[in-house]
């Protein structure tokens, strides 16, 4: 079996509706330009608030791995 190498990057997704949509949106967008996405791990959830303390956006920080292709 050939050895494989994976690269890990951090992404932050945002949504006005939920953390789940924020995370899914980040993975979906990354999948448009990266191949062989393997694992997405949510490492932090937070909220963006307006001046009155109302939730403006849900934010999900993820670590995403994909198979490294290089020479």
PDB file of N, CA and C in Angstrom:
ATOM      1  N   UNK A   1       0.844  -1.176   0.000  1.00  0.00           N
ATOM      2  CA  UNK A   1       0.000   0.000   0.000  1.00  0.00           C
ATOM      3  C   UNK A   1       0.892   1.244   0.000  1.00  0.00           C
ATOM      4  N   UNK A   2       0.617   2.189  -0.870  1.00  0.00           N
ATOM      5  CA  UNK A   2       1.388   3.425  -0.941  1.00  0.00           C
ATOM      6  C   UNK A   2       1.048   4.310   0.259  1.00  0.00           C
ATOM      7  N   UNK A   3       2.048   5.016   0.723  1.00  0.00           N
ATOM      8  CA  UNK A   3       1.826   5.942   1.830  1.00  0.00           C
ATOM      9  C   UNK A   3       1.126   7.187   1.312  1.00  0.00           C
ATOM     10  N   UNK A   4       0.336   7.797   2.155  1.00  0.00           N
ATOM     11  CA  UNK A   4      -0.385   9.008   1.786  1.00  0.00           C
ATOM     12  C   UNK A   4      -0.030  10.124   2.749  1.00  0.00           C
ATOM     13  N   UNK A   5      -0.145  11.337   2.261  1.00  0.00           N
ATOM     14  CA  UNK A   5       0.077  12.530   3.077  1.00  0.00           C
ATOM     15  C   UNK A   5      -1.156  13.405   2.939  1.00  0.00           C
ATOM     16  N   UNK A   6      -1.586  13.968   4.056  1.00  0.00           N
ATOM     17  CA  UNK A   6      -2.763  14.818   4.065  1.00  0.00           C
ATOM     18  C   UNK A   6      -2.400  16.196   4.597  1.00  0.00           C
ATOM     19  N   UNK A   7      -2.968  17.212   4.012  1.00  0.00           N
ATOM     20  CA  UNK A   7      -2.775  18.582   4.452  1.00  0.00           C
ATOM     21  C   UNK A   7      -4.006  18.989   5.250  1.00  0.00           C
ATOM     22  N   UNK A   8      -3.801  19.784   6.300  1.00  0.00           N
ATOM     23  CA  UNK A   8      -4.893  20.275   7.130  1.00  0.00           C
ATOM     24  C   UNK A   8      -4.916  21.796   7.039  1.00  0.00           C
ATOM     25  N   UNK A   9      -6.097  22.339   6.753  1.00  0.00           N
ATOM     26  CA  UNK A   9      -6.266  23.788   6.711  1.00  0.00           C
ATOM     27  C   UNK A   9      -7.395  24.184   7.654  1.00  0.00           C
ATOM     28  N   UNK A  10      -7.417  25.456   8.043  1.00  0.00           N
ATOM     29  CA  UNK A  10      -8.504  25.974   8.852  1.00  0.00           C
ATOM     30  C   UNK A  10      -9.423  26.810   7.985  1.00  0.00           C
ATOM     31  N   UNK A  11     -10.713  26.645   8.203  1.00  0.00           N
ATOM     32  CA  UNK A  11     -11.734  27.414   7.515  1.00  0.00           C
ATOM     33  C   UNK A  11     -12.693  27.989   8.534  1.00  0.00           C
ATOM     34  N   UNK A  12     -13.290  29.117   8.219  1.00  0.00           N
ATOM     35  CA  UNK A  12     -14.353  29.676   9.043  1.00  0.00           C
ATOM     36  C   UNK A  12     -15.553  29.900   8.137  1.00  0.00           C
ATOM     37  N   UNK A  13     -16.651  29.243   8.461  1.00  0.00           N
ATOM     38  CA  UNK A  13     -17.890  29.420   7.717  1.00  0.00           C
ATOM     39  C   UNK A  13     -18.847  30.272   8.519  1.00  0.00           C
ATOM     40  N   UNK A  14     -19.671  31.052   7.833  1.00  0.00           N
ATOM     41  CA  UNK A  14     -20.661  31.890   8.514  1.00  0.00           C
ATOM     42  C   UNK A  14     -22.043  31.642   7.928  1.00  0.00           C
ATOM     43  N   UNK A  15     -23.048  31.837   8.765  1.00  0.00           N
ATOM     44  CA  UNK A  15     -24.437  31.704   8.341  1.00  0.00           C
ATOM     45  C   UNK A  15     -25.299  32.596   9.222  1.00  0.00           C
ATOM     46  N   UNK A  16     -26.333  33.144   8.653  1.00  0.00           N
ATOM     47  CA  UNK A  16     -27.279  33.927   9.457  1.00  0.00           C
ATOM     48  C   UNK A  16     -28.310  33.029  10.131  1.00  0.00           C
ATOM     49  N   UNK A  17     -28.266  31.710   9.818  1.00  0.00           N
ATOM     50  CA  UNK A  17     -29.286  30.795  10.326  1.00  0.00           C
ATOM     51  C   UNK A  17     -28.828  29.828  11.413  1.00  0.00           C
ATOM     52  N   UNK A  18     -27.632  29.194  11.241  1.00  0.00           N
ATOM     53  CA  UNK A  18     -27.222  28.175  12.211  1.00  0.00           C
ATOM     54  C   UNK A  18     -25.742  27.834  12.087  1.00  0.00           C
ATOM     55  N   UNK A  19     -25.207  27.199  13.131  1.00  0.00           N
ATOM     56  CA  UNK A  19     -23.830  26.713  13.091  1.00  0.00           C
ATOM     57  C   UNK A  19     -23.699  25.590  12.072  1.00  0.00           C
ATOM     58  N   UNK A  20     -24.706  24.750  11.980  1.00  0.00           N
ATOM     59  CA  UNK A  20     -24.665  23.644  11.025  1.00  0.00           C
ATOM     60  C   UNK A  20     -24.532  24.154   9.590  1.00  0.00           C
ATOM     61  N   UNK A  21     -25.290  25.181   9.251  1.00  0.00           N
ATOM     62  CA  UNK A  21     -25.211  25.745   7.901  1.00  0.00           C
ATOM     63  C   UNK A  21     -23.878  26.458   7.683  1.00  0.00           C
ATOM     64  N   UNK A  22     -23.342  27.058   8.734  1.00  0.00           N
ATOM     65  CA  UNK A  22     -22.031  27.704   8.619  1.00  0.00           C
ATOM     66  C   UNK A  22     -20.953  26.668   8.301  1.00  0.00           C
ATOM     67  N   UNK A  23     -20.966  25.551   9.018  1.00  0.00           N
ATOM     68  CA  UNK A  23     -19.981  24.491   8.795  1.00  0.00           C
ATOM     69  C   UNK A  23     -20.166  23.850   7.425  1.00  0.00           C
ATOM     70  N   UNK A  24     -21.397  23.524   7.085  1.00  0.00           N
ATOM     71  CA  UNK A  24     -21.669  22.887   5.791  1.00  0.00           C
ATOM     72  C   UNK A  24     -21.295  23.810   4.633  1.00  0.00           C
ATOM     73  N   UNK A  25     -21.536  25.096   4.783  1.00  0.00           N
ATOM     74  CA  UNK A  25     -21.180  26.049   3.737  1.00  0.00           C
ATOM     75  C   UNK A  25     -19.685  26.135   3.524  1.00  0.00           C
ATOM     76  N   UNK A  26     -18.917  26.101   4.611  1.00  0.00           N
ATOM     77  CA  UNK A  26     -17.454  26.146   4.503  1.00  0.00           C
ATOM     78  C   UNK A  26     -16.927  24.917   3.777  1.00  0.00           C
ATOM     79  N   UNK A  27     -17.448  23.743   4.122  1.00  0.00           N
ATOM     80  CA  UNK A  27     -17.003  22.505   3.474  1.00  0.00           C
ATOM     81  C   UNK A  27     -17.422  22.482   2.008  1.00  0.00           C
ATOM     82  N   UNK A  28     -18.622  22.920   1.735  1.00  0.00           N
ATOM     83  CA  UNK A  28     -19.103  22.948   0.349  1.00  0.00           C
ATOM     84  C   UNK A  28     -18.245  23.874  -0.504  1.00  0.00           C
ATOM     85  N   UNK A  29     -17.940  25.041   0.010  1.00  0.00           N
ATOM     86  CA  UNK A  29     -17.117  26.006  -0.745  1.00  0.00           C
ATOM     87  C   UNK A  29     -15.709  25.463  -0.954  1.00  0.00           C
ATOM     88  N   UNK A  30     -15.129  24.857   0.072  1.00  0.00           N
ATOM     89  CA  UNK A  30     -13.784  24.283  -0.057  1.00  0.00           C
ATOM     90  C   UNK A  30     -13.778  23.177  -1.105  1.00  0.00           C
ATOM     91  N   UNK A  31     -14.853  22.415  -1.176  1.00  0.00           N
ATOM     92  CA  UNK A  31     -14.949  21.331  -2.139  1.00  0.00           C
ATOM     93  C   UNK A  31     -14.985  21.792  -3.588  1.00  0.00           C
ATOM     94  N   UNK A  32     -15.249  23.071  -3.808  1.00  0.00           N
ATOM     95  CA  UNK A  32     -15.254  23.602  -5.170  1.00  0.00           C
ATOM     96  C   UNK A  32     -13.837  23.744  -5.734  1.00  0.00           C
ATOM     97  N   UNK A  33     -12.841  23.888  -4.857  1.00  0.00           N
ATOM     98  CA  UNK A  33     -11.477  24.112  -5.339  1.00  0.00           C
ATOM     99  C   UNK A  33     -10.475  23.073  -4.842  1.00  0.00           C
ATOM    100  N   UNK A  34     -10.850  22.267  -3.864  1.00  0.00           N
ATOM    101  CA  UNK A  34      -9.952  21.241  -3.328  1.00  0.00           C
ATOM    102  C   UNK A  34     -10.505  19.861  -3.657  1.00  0.00           C
ATOM    103  N   UNK A  35      -9.597  18.924  -3.945  1.00  0.00           N
ATOM    104  CA  UNK A  35     -10.006  17.546  -4.220  1.00  0.00           C
ATOM    105  C   UNK A  35      -9.690  16.664  -3.018  1.00  0.00           C
ATOM    106  N   UNK A  36     -10.374  15.565  -2.959  1.00  0.00           N
ATOM    107  CA  UNK A  36     -10.129  14.537  -1.940  1.00  0.00           C
ATOM    108  C   UNK A  36     -10.254  15.056  -0.511  1.00  0.00           C
ATOM    109  N   UNK A  37     -11.288  15.842  -0.238  1.00  0.00           N
ATOM    110  CA  UNK A  37     -11.543  16.230   1.152  1.00  0.00           C
ATOM    111  C   UNK A  37     -11.804  14.964   1.954  1.00  0.00           C
ATOM    112  N   UNK A  38     -11.209  14.872   3.141  1.00  0.00           N
ATOM    113  CA  UNK A  38     -11.318  13.633   3.921  1.00  0.00           C
ATOM    114  C   UNK A  38     -12.094  13.811   5.213  1.00  0.00           C
ATOM    115  N   UNK A  39     -11.692  14.784   6.032  1.00  0.00           N
ATOM    116  CA  UNK A  39     -12.293  14.958   7.350  1.00  0.00           C
ATOM    117  C   UNK A  39     -12.471  16.446   7.614  1.00  0.00           C
ATOM    118  N   UNK A  40     -13.601  16.801   8.207  1.00  0.00           N
ATOM    119  CA  UNK A  40     -13.829  18.166   8.673  1.00  0.00           C
ATOM    120  C   UNK A  40     -14.162  18.089  10.153  1.00  0.00           C
ATOM    121  N   UNK A  41     -13.368  18.767  10.961  1.00  0.00           N
ATOM    122  CA  UNK A  41     -13.552  18.759  12.414  1.00  0.00           C
ATOM    123  C   UNK A  41     -13.920  20.163  12.869  1.00  0.00           C
ATOM    124  N   UNK A  42     -15.073  20.305  13.523  1.00  0.00           N
ATOM    125  CA  UNK A  42     -15.462  21.597  14.079  1.00  0.00           C
ATOM    126  C   UNK A  42     -14.648  21.809  15.352  1.00  0.00           C
ATOM    127  N   UNK A  43     -13.882  22.890  15.381  1.00  0.00           N
ATOM    128  CA  UNK A  43     -13.017  23.135  16.540  1.00  0.00           C
ATOM    129  C   UNK A  43     -13.493  24.296  17.392  1.00  0.00           C
ATOM    130  N   UNK A  44     -14.372  25.145  16.833  1.00  0.00           N
ATOM    131  CA  UNK A  44     -14.863  26.278  17.620  1.00  0.00           C
ATOM    132  C   UNK A  44     -16.161  26.794  17.012  1.00  0.00           C
ATOM    133  N   UNK A  45     -17.089  27.164  17.870  1.00  0.00           N
ATOM    134  CA  UNK A  45     -18.332  27.804  17.452  1.00  0.00           C
ATOM    135  C   UNK A  45     -18.421  29.143  18.159  1.00  0.00           C
ATOM    136  N   UNK A  46     -18.801  30.190  17.429  1.00  0.00           N
ATOM    137  CA  UNK A  46     -19.027  31.479  18.081  1.00  0.00           C
ATOM    138  C   UNK A  46     -20.097  32.248  17.332  1.00  0.00           C
ATOM    139  N   UNK A  47     -20.436  33.406  17.871  1.00  0.00           N
ATOM    140  CA  UNK A  47     -21.485  34.245  17.306  1.00  0.00           C
ATOM    141  C   UNK A  47     -20.942  35.627  17.015  1.00  0.00           C
ATOM    142  N   UNK A  48     -21.407  36.221  15.939  1.00  0.00           N
ATOM    143  CA  UNK A  48     -21.116  37.619  15.659  1.00  0.00           C
ATOM    144  C   UNK A  48     -22.350  38.401  16.091  1.00  0.00           C
ATOM    145  N   UNK A  49     -22.147  39.429  16.908  1.00  0.00           N
ATOM    146  CA  UNK A  49     -23.257  40.186  17.476  1.00  0.00           C
ATOM    147  C   UNK A  49     -23.271  41.610  16.938  1.00  0.00           C
ATOM    148  N   UNK A  50     -24.474  42.200  16.893  1.00  0.00           N
ATOM    149  CA  UNK A  50     -24.564  43.601  16.516  1.00  0.00           C
ATOM    150  C   UNK A  50     -24.419  44.479  17.763  1.00  0.00           C
ATOM    151  N   UNK A  51     -24.564  45.768  17.623  1.00  0.00           N
ATOM    152  CA  UNK A  51     -24.360  46.708  18.735  1.00  0.00           C
ATOM    153  C   UNK A  51     -25.352  46.504  19.882  1.00  0.00           C
ATOM    154  N   UNK A  52     -26.513  45.932  19.585  1.00  0.00           N
ATOM    155  CA  UNK A  52     -27.518  45.673  20.631  1.00  0.00           C
ATOM    156  C   UNK A  52     -27.410  44.262  21.218  1.00  0.00           C
ATOM    157  N   UNK A  53     -26.424  43.512  20.805  1.00  0.00           N
ATOM    158  CA  UNK A  53     -26.242  42.160  21.315  1.00  0.00           C
ATOM    159  C   UNK A  53     -27.068  41.112  20.591  1.00  0.00           C
ATOM    160  N   UNK A  54     -27.683  41.468  19.474  1.00  0.00           N
ATOM    161  CA  UNK A  54     -28.475  40.519  18.692  1.00  0.00           C
ATOM    162  C   UNK A  54     -27.539  39.718  17.774  1.00  0.00           C
ATOM    163  N   UNK A  55     -27.857  38.437  17.606  1.00  0.00           N
ATOM    164  CA  UNK A  55     -27.033  37.569  16.757  1.00  0.00           C
ATOM    165  C   UNK A  55     -27.140  38.011  15.299  1.00  0.00           C
ATOM    166  N   UNK A  56     -25.990  38.318  14.704  1.00  0.00           N
ATOM    167  CA  UNK A  56     -25.938  38.641  13.272  1.00  0.00           C
ATOM    168  C   UNK A  56     -25.521  37.434  12.450  1.00  0.00           C
ATOM    169  N   UNK A  57     -24.610  36.616  13.014  1.00  0.00           N
ATOM    170  CA  UNK A  57     -24.122  35.464  12.259  1.00  0.00           C
ATOM    171  C   UNK A  57     -23.609  34.388  13.203  1.00  0.00           C
ATOM    172  N   UNK A  58     -23.813  33.148  12.788  1.00  0.00           N
ATOM    173  CA  UNK A  58     -23.232  31.985  13.445  1.00  0.00           C
ATOM    174  C   UNK A  58     -21.929  31.693  12.709  1.00  0.00           C
ATOM    175  N   UNK A  59     -20.865  31.416  13.458  1.00  0.00           N
ATOM    176  CA  UNK A  59     -19.577  31.126  12.834  1.00  0.00           C
ATOM    177  C   UNK A  59     -19.053  29.791  13.339  1.00  0.00           C
ATOM    178  N   UNK A  60     -18.557  28.987  12.409  1.00  0.00           N
ATOM    179  CA  UNK A  60     -17.975  27.689  12.739  1.00  0.00           C
ATOM    180  C   UNK A  60     -16.557  27.641  12.195  1.00  0.00           C
ATOM    181  N   UNK A  61     -15.591  27.399  13.091  1.00  0.00           N
ATOM    182  CA  UNK A  61     -14.200  27.223  12.656  1.00  0.00           C
ATOM    183  C   UNK A  61     -13.963  25.733  12.522  1.00  0.00           C
ATOM    184  N   UNK A  62     -13.395  25.325  11.359  1.00  0.00           N
ATOM    185  CA  UNK A  62     -13.167  23.913  11.074  1.00  0.00           C
ATOM    186  C   UNK A  62     -11.719  23.666  10.686  1.00  0.00           C
ATOM    187  N   UNK A  63     -11.259  22.462  10.989  1.00  0.00           N
ATOM    188  CA  UNK A  63     -10.019  21.946  10.426  1.00  0.00           C
ATOM    189  C   UNK A  63     -10.435  20.919   9.387  1.00  0.00           C
ATOM    190  N   UNK A  64      -9.976  21.118   8.168  1.00  0.00           N
ATOM    191  CA  UNK A  64     -10.354  20.253   7.056  1.00  0.00           C
ATOM    192  C   UNK A  64      -9.095  19.619   6.479  1.00  0.00           C
ATOM    193  N   UNK A  65      -9.142  18.313   6.271  1.00  0.00           N
ATOM    194  CA  UNK A  65      -7.976  17.637   5.676  1.00  0.00           C
ATOM    195  C   UNK A  65      -8.327  17.149   4.277  1.00  0.00           C
ATOM    196  N   UNK A  66      -7.294  17.146   3.441  1.00  0.00           N
ATOM    197  CA  UNK A  66      -7.413  16.622   2.086  1.00  0.00           C
ATOM    198  C   UNK A  66      -6.101  15.978   1.688  1.00  0.00           C
ATOM    199  N   UNK A  67      -6.203  15.067   0.744  1.00  0.00           N
ATOM    200  CA  UNK A  67      -5.020  14.331   0.312  1.00  0.00           C
ATOM    201  C   UNK A  67      -4.055  15.274  -0.400  1.00  0.00           C
ATOM    202  N   UNK A  68      -2.814  15.272   0.021  1.00  0.00           N
ATOM    203  CA  UNK A  68      -1.784  16.154  -0.539  1.00  0.00           C
ATOM    204  C   UNK A  68      -1.239  15.535  -1.805  1.00  0.00           C
ATOM    205  N   UNK A  69      -1.269  16.322  -2.875  1.00  0.00           N
ATOM    206  CA  UNK A  69      -0.721  15.889  -4.155  1.00  0.00           C
ATOM    207  C   UNK A  69       0.467  16.781  -4.472  1.00  0.00           C
ATOM    208  N   UNK A  70       1.635  16.260  -4.449  1.00  0.00           N
ATOM    209  CA  UNK A  70       2.817  17.037  -4.756  1.00  0.00           C
ATOM    210  C   UNK A  70       3.927  16.151  -5.261  1.00  0.00           C
ATOM    211  N   UNK A  71       4.934  16.792  -5.782  1.00  0.00           N
ATOM    212  CA  UNK A  71       6.061  15.994  -6.299  1.00  0.00           C
ATOM    213  C   UNK A  71       7.117  15.795  -5.250  1.00  0.00           C
TER     214      UNK A  71
END
